[in-house]
């Protein structure tokens, strides 16, 4: 058997595997900004490592689920990843394209409006979401998410978002929809309202680090240990 035949034999199962279509956002990136796909996957890899072995996890704002399989792969056996989004078109398309993700449940829900009933998790993560949330609704948005924790002590939240200091380099499209940008200080302040412990990281391209905060293009905040929630004014 020559090398060509040997290579084909090893790759036969791959050649026989049906190709997957990408979602709308990912397809746009492939055509217009392919490098950005590497950045997105790196963000999901970071979350997957931080939440490795968890049993019940929620992603809020799952979009077209490009990086979601990386997190799903790292859950414990029998674990469930709840992929929540307010756009039903995304979710309908995800269900059609990704039926092999047996441990993922796609849920249509808007955290700006109400908490998600009957879903209990130990970890919640948001990637490129908080900057789209109306600042007026931010507290309600956060409270509706933390209502899904099954216990306060084990609760973890991971928020990834573009750094406010990098806004001058953002695209026209990003500037139009990024209405709630954070810096490391404001991201930490947000998480401290809800969690006893907070941890901050920076990210440039695919590299996560603890370097000088203003020079980070992307930032991460991790909250752990849920605080007792005080009633909102007027409640």
Protein backbone atom coordinates (compact mmCIF):
# COMPACT_ATOMS: atom_id res chain seq x y z
CA UNK A 1 0.00 0.00 0.00
CA UNK A 2 1.57 3.30 -1.06
CA UNK A 3 1.39 6.50 0.98
CA UNK A 4 -1.54 7.89 -1.01
CA UNK A 5 -3.64 4.76 -0.40
CA UNK A 6 -2.68 4.72 3.29
CA UNK A 7 -3.69 8.37 3.71
CA UNK A 8 -7.02 7.75 2.00
CA UNK A 9 -7.72 4.74 4.24
CA UNK A 10 -7.05 6.83 7.35
CA UNK A 11 -9.22 9.69 6.07
CA UNK A 12 -12.04 7.54 4.64
CA UNK A 13 -14.41 8.21 7.54
CA UNK A 14 -13.81 11.95 7.22
CA UNK A 15 -14.54 11.90 3.49
CA UNK A 16 -17.76 10.00 4.18
CA UNK A 17 -18.94 12.48 6.83
CA UNK A 18 -21.64 14.87 5.66
CA UNK A 19 -20.43 18.48 5.58
CA UNK A 20 -21.89 21.02 7.99
CA UNK A 21 -23.32 24.40 7.05
CA UNK A 22 -22.34 27.39 9.17
CA UNK A 23 -24.80 29.84 10.67
CA UNK A 24 -25.40 33.34 9.25
CA UNK A 25 -22.94 35.26 11.42
CA UNK A 26 -20.20 32.69 10.95
CA UNK A 27 -20.79 32.57 7.20
CA UNK A 28 -20.50 36.36 7.03
CA UNK A 29 -17.22 36.19 8.99
CA UNK A 30 -15.84 33.53 6.67
CA UNK A 31 -16.49 35.75 3.65
CA UNK A 32 -15.57 39.15 5.10
CA UNK A 33 -13.31 38.72 8.16
CA UNK A 34 -12.05 35.15 8.45
CA UNK A 35 -9.50 36.00 11.18
CA UNK A 36 -12.33 36.90 13.51
CA UNK A 37 -13.43 33.25 13.50
CA UNK A 38 -10.19 32.31 15.25
CA UNK A 39 -10.78 34.95 17.92
CA UNK A 40 -14.34 33.72 18.55
CA UNK A 41 -13.27 30.09 18.89
CA UNK A 42 -10.51 31.11 21.31
CA UNK A 43 -13.08 32.83 23.51
CA UNK A 44 -15.19 29.70 23.63
CA UNK A 45 -12.13 27.59 24.40
CA UNK A 46 -11.38 29.81 27.40
CA UNK A 47 -14.92 29.37 28.71
CA UNK A 48 -14.77 25.62 28.09
CA UNK A 49 -11.60 25.29 30.17
CA UNK A 50 -13.01 27.42 32.99
CA UNK A 51 -16.22 25.35 33.14
CA UNK A 52 -14.75 21.94 32.39
CA UNK A 53 -16.61 19.13 34.15
CA UNK A 54 -19.69 21.18 35.03
CA UNK A 55 -23.05 19.43 34.79
CA UNK A 56 -25.57 22.17 33.95
CA UNK A 57 -24.42 25.32 32.15
CA UNK A 58 -26.26 28.15 30.37
CA UNK A 59 -25.07 30.33 27.52
CA UNK A 60 -27.06 33.55 27.21
CA UNK A 61 -26.94 34.94 23.68
CA UNK A 62 -25.83 31.80 21.83
CA UNK A 63 -26.36 33.30 18.35
CA UNK A 64 -25.60 30.84 15.55
CA UNK A 65 -23.74 28.54 17.99
CA UNK A 66 -20.37 28.63 16.20
CA UNK A 67 -18.27 28.02 19.32
CA UNK A 68 -20.91 26.32 21.45
CA UNK A 69 -19.78 22.72 20.64
CA UNK A 70 -16.44 23.44 22.35
CA UNK A 71 -18.17 24.15 25.66
CA UNK A 72 -20.62 21.27 25.20
CA UNK A 73 -17.72 18.87 24.68
CA UNK A 74 -16.19 19.81 28.04
CA UNK A 75 -19.22 19.19 30.27
CA UNK A 76 -19.30 16.15 32.51
CA UNK A 77 -20.98 12.96 31.33
CA UNK A 78 -24.72 13.49 31.39
CA UNK A 79 -24.32 17.27 31.50
CA UNK A 80 -26.60 19.75 29.75
CA UNK A 81 -25.82 23.05 28.05
CA UNK A 82 -28.82 25.39 27.74
CA UNK A 83 -28.30 27.70 24.75
CA UNK A 84 -30.55 30.73 25.20
CA UNK A 85 -31.20 33.48 22.67
CA UNK A 86 -33.92 36.05 22.00
CA UNK A 87 -33.79 35.47 18.23
CA UNK A 88 -35.99 32.50 17.30
CA UNK A 89 -34.52 32.38 13.76
CA UNK A 90 -31.08 31.59 15.16
CA UNK A 91 -32.45 28.81 17.33
CA UNK A 92 -34.57 27.21 14.61
CA UNK A 93 -31.55 27.19 12.30
CA UNK A 94 -29.27 25.81 15.05
CA UNK A 95 -31.62 22.90 15.73
CA UNK A 96 -31.58 21.97 12.02
CA UNK A 97 -27.82 22.29 11.58
CA UNK A 98 -26.60 20.83 14.89
CA UNK A 99 -28.72 17.76 15.71
CA UNK A 100 -25.57 15.87 16.78
CA UNK A 101 -25.24 18.07 19.91
CA UNK A 102 -27.15 15.68 22.13
CA UNK A 103 -26.33 17.53 25.36
CA UNK A 104 -27.51 20.96 24.14
CA UNK A 105 -31.02 22.38 24.55
CA UNK A 106 -31.85 25.49 22.52
CA UNK A 107 -34.28 27.83 24.31
CA UNK A 108 -36.02 30.93 22.96
CA UNK A 109 -36.06 33.48 25.78
CA UNK A 110 -35.33 37.18 26.44
CA UNK A 111 -33.50 37.80 29.72
CA UNK A 112 -34.35 41.49 29.42
CA UNK A 113 -37.97 40.62 30.12
CA UNK A 114 -38.11 37.82 32.71
CA UNK A 115 -36.22 35.00 34.38
CA UNK A 116 -36.13 31.57 32.78
CA UNK A 117 -38.31 29.17 34.76
CA UNK A 118 -37.56 25.48 35.29
CA UNK A 119 -33.88 25.76 34.32
CA UNK A 120 -31.31 25.38 37.11
CA UNK A 121 -27.59 25.69 36.44
CA UNK A 122 -24.30 26.10 38.28
CA UNK A 123 -22.64 28.28 35.63
CA UNK A 124 -23.71 30.97 33.15
CA UNK A 125 -21.58 32.58 30.46
CA UNK A 126 -22.01 35.45 27.99
CA UNK A 127 -19.70 36.07 25.06
CA UNK A 128 -20.16 39.37 23.17
CA UNK A 129 -23.56 40.03 24.74
CA UNK A 130 -23.39 42.51 27.63
CA UNK A 131 -22.30 45.34 25.30
CA UNK A 132 -25.65 44.96 23.48
CA UNK A 133 -27.78 45.25 26.63
CA UNK A 134 -29.56 48.55 27.25
CA UNK A 135 -27.85 50.07 30.34
CA UNK A 136 -31.30 50.91 31.73
CA UNK A 137 -32.18 47.20 31.70
CA UNK A 138 -28.80 45.89 32.82
CA UNK A 139 -29.79 45.22 36.44
CA UNK A 140 -32.99 43.41 35.42
CA UNK A 141 -31.03 41.44 32.81
CA UNK A 142 -28.50 40.31 35.42
CA UNK A 143 -31.14 39.47 38.02
CA UNK A 144 -33.09 37.39 35.56
CA UNK A 145 -29.97 35.38 34.76
CA UNK A 146 -28.86 34.76 38.35
CA UNK A 147 -32.37 33.53 39.19
CA UNK A 148 -31.41 30.31 37.37
CA UNK A 149 -28.63 29.28 39.76
CA UNK A 150 -29.33 26.08 41.65
CA UNK A 151 -27.30 27.18 44.68
CA UNK A 152 -25.47 30.37 45.62
CA UNK A 153 -22.17 28.86 46.76
CA UNK A 154 -21.41 27.04 43.52
CA UNK A 155 -22.59 29.80 41.17
CA UNK A 156 -20.16 31.02 38.50
CA UNK A 157 -20.68 33.62 35.78
CA UNK A 158 -18.26 34.42 32.94
CA UNK A 159 -18.67 37.60 30.89
CA UNK A 160 -16.55 38.31 27.83
CA UNK A 161 -16.83 41.66 26.06
CA UNK A 162 -14.81 44.11 23.92
CA UNK A 163 -12.80 46.55 26.02
CA UNK A 164 -14.13 50.09 26.15
CA UNK A 165 -10.61 51.38 25.49
CA UNK A 166 -10.57 49.62 22.10
CA UNK A 167 -13.79 51.27 20.87
CA UNK A 168 -11.93 53.70 18.61
CA UNK A 169 -10.74 50.74 16.51
CA UNK A 170 -14.20 49.12 16.22
CA UNK A 171 -16.06 48.81 12.93
CA UNK A 172 -18.94 51.11 12.05
CA UNK A 173 -21.35 48.21 12.58
CA UNK A 174 -19.96 47.45 16.04
CA UNK A 175 -20.11 51.08 17.13
CA UNK A 176 -23.77 51.22 16.16
CA UNK A 177 -24.84 48.26 18.34
CA UNK A 178 -22.32 48.34 21.21
CA UNK A 179 -24.36 50.52 23.56
CA UNK A 180 -23.01 49.23 26.87
CA UNK A 181 -19.25 48.86 26.62
CA UNK A 182 -17.21 48.05 29.73
CA UNK A 183 -13.68 48.55 30.91
CA UNK A 184 -12.12 46.23 33.47
CA UNK A 185 -13.14 48.49 36.37
CA UNK A 186 -16.78 48.77 35.29
CA UNK A 187 -17.00 45.05 34.48
CA UNK A 188 -15.63 44.22 37.91
CA UNK A 189 -18.08 46.64 39.54
CA UNK A 190 -20.96 44.96 37.70
CA UNK A 191 -19.99 41.48 38.85
CA UNK A 192 -19.32 42.59 42.43
CA UNK A 193 -22.97 43.62 42.75
CA UNK A 194 -23.95 39.96 42.41
CA UNK A 195 -20.93 37.82 43.39
CA UNK A 196 -18.63 37.58 46.41
CA UNK A 197 -15.53 36.92 44.30
CA UNK A 198 -14.45 38.48 41.01
CA UNK A 199 -11.53 37.73 38.68
CA UNK A 200 -10.46 39.80 35.66
CA UNK A 201 -8.47 38.85 32.57
CA UNK A 202 -7.49 40.54 29.33
CA UNK A 203 -7.33 39.10 25.83
CA UNK A 204 -5.57 40.12 22.64
CA UNK A 205 -6.39 38.02 19.59
CA UNK A 206 -6.20 34.41 20.89
CA UNK A 207 -4.10 35.12 24.00
CA UNK A 208 -5.64 35.44 27.48
CA UNK A 209 -3.47 37.29 30.00
CA UNK A 210 -3.32 39.56 33.03
CA UNK A 211 -1.50 42.41 31.32
CA UNK A 212 -2.10 46.17 31.35
CA UNK A 213 -5.89 46.53 31.20
CA UNK A 214 -6.25 49.56 28.86
CA UNK A 215 -4.22 47.77 26.16
CA UNK A 216 -6.48 44.71 26.10
CA UNK A 217 -8.76 44.53 23.08
CA UNK A 218 -11.07 42.11 24.88
CA UNK A 219 -11.78 41.58 28.58
CA UNK A 220 -13.13 38.80 30.78
CA UNK A 221 -14.82 38.97 34.14
CA UNK A 222 -15.57 35.93 36.29
CA UNK A 223 -17.92 36.10 39.26
CA UNK A 224 -18.15 33.29 41.83
CA UNK A 225 -20.34 32.79 44.87
CA UNK A 226 -23.71 34.47 44.44
CA UNK A 227 -24.66 37.20 46.90
CA UNK A 228 -28.10 37.49 48.44
CA UNK A 229 -30.08 39.73 46.08
CA UNK A 230 -31.67 42.87 47.45
CA UNK A 231 -35.06 44.00 46.05
CA UNK A 232 -35.00 46.49 43.22
CA UNK A 233 -36.23 49.99 44.04
CA UNK A 234 -40.01 49.89 43.86
CA UNK A 235 -40.31 46.14 44.42
